[in-house]
Structure formats: C-alpha cells, structure tokens
Amino acid sequence: MDIVVNGETRAAEPGVTIERFLLDHELDPEVVVVERNGEILARGDLAQTVLAPGDRLEVVHFVGGG
C-alpha cells in the first residue's frame, strides 16, 4: 500500500504500525515527532497505530547543535 511521508510516496506493508515503519526506515521512534493526517501522535501511540492506505505522515527529527 502507498502512504506519503514528508511529501514523498512510500510503500508500506499492510498492517504495519508507525513504530515498525520508522524502525524499518532506520528512524528511532524515541527521537522523532510524527504527525499523521494533520494530528501529532503521542510517542506511546506509535506502537499501536496501524498505517492505512493514503495516510500522510510528517516525520521531524530534531538535531542538537550550538
């Protein structure tokens, strides 16, 4: 199935959770913020939220600096 991540179409396995999708794409769920279809998700919800065809994710990774 297709979803959109940060403006780019990506394939995702049916039934995959957002947490598993992030891990499969080498993103640490502990250091990103995920918005799904315009709603920011709590970090604790990532493991239970299953992606659906056409979902739109915005994934933000914060980088420290000085």
Protein backbone atom coordinates (compact mmCIF):
# COMPACT_ATOMS: atom_id res chain seq x y z
CA MET A 1 0.00 0.00 0.00
CA ASP A 2 1.12 3.57 -0.55
CA ILE A 3 1.46 6.30 2.06
CA VAL A 4 3.04 9.75 1.86
CA VAL A 5 5.98 10.56 4.13
CA ASN A 6 7.30 14.12 4.19
CA GLY A 7 5.76 14.72 0.75
CA GLU A 8 7.13 11.55 -0.89
CA THR A 9 5.12 8.45 -1.76
CA ARG A 10 6.42 5.37 0.04
CA ALA A 11 5.35 1.74 0.10
CA ALA A 12 4.31 0.23 3.41
CA GLU A 13 3.28 -3.30 4.30
CA PRO A 14 -0.41 -3.67 5.13
CA GLY A 15 -0.97 -3.84 8.88
CA VAL A 16 2.35 -2.22 9.79
CA THR A 17 2.45 0.09 12.79
CA ILE A 18 4.04 3.51 12.61
CA GLU A 19 6.73 2.38 15.05
CA ARG A 20 7.68 -0.60 12.86
CA PHE A 21 7.64 1.58 9.72
CA LEU A 22 10.04 4.03 11.38
CA LEU A 23 12.37 1.27 12.55
CA ASP A 24 12.34 -0.33 9.09
CA HIS A 25 13.49 3.02 7.68
CA GLU A 26 16.25 3.42 10.29
CA LEU A 27 14.43 6.13 12.25
CA ASP A 28 14.42 5.93 16.04
CA PRO A 29 10.86 6.42 17.33
CA GLU A 30 12.32 7.90 20.53
CA VAL A 31 13.87 10.91 18.76
CA VAL A 32 11.27 11.86 16.14
CA VAL A 33 7.89 13.56 16.20
CA VAL A 34 5.23 12.09 13.92
CA GLU A 35 2.20 13.86 12.53
CA ARG A 36 -0.38 11.59 10.90
CA ASN A 37 -3.02 13.17 8.71
CA GLY A 38 -2.57 16.50 10.47
CA GLU A 39 -2.57 15.15 14.05
CA ILE A 40 0.57 14.91 16.19
CA LEU A 41 0.81 11.46 17.72
CA ALA A 42 1.95 10.76 21.26
CA ARG A 43 5.14 8.70 21.28
CA GLY A 44 3.32 5.96 23.19
CA ASP A 45 0.76 5.61 20.38
CA LEU A 46 3.30 4.80 17.65
CA ALA A 47 3.43 1.09 18.52
CA GLN A 48 -0.37 0.72 18.39
CA THR A 49 -1.22 2.94 15.41
CA VAL A 50 -1.56 0.94 12.20
CA LEU A 51 -0.93 2.71 8.91
CA ALA A 52 -3.77 2.87 6.39
CA PRO A 53 -3.57 3.36 2.61
CA GLY A 54 -3.20 7.04 1.77
CA ASP A 55 -2.01 8.11 5.24
CA ARG A 56 0.11 11.26 5.20
CA LEU A 57 2.98 11.35 7.70
CA GLU A 58 5.28 14.20 8.56
CA VAL A 59 8.31 12.95 10.46
CA VAL A 60 10.53 15.50 12.16
CA HIS A 61 13.93 14.57 13.58
CA PHE A 62 15.40 17.12 15.94
CA VAL A 63 19.11 17.77 15.74
CA GLY A 64 21.01 19.46 18.54
CA GLY A 65 23.68 21.98 17.91
CA GLY A 66 25.23 25.07 19.17
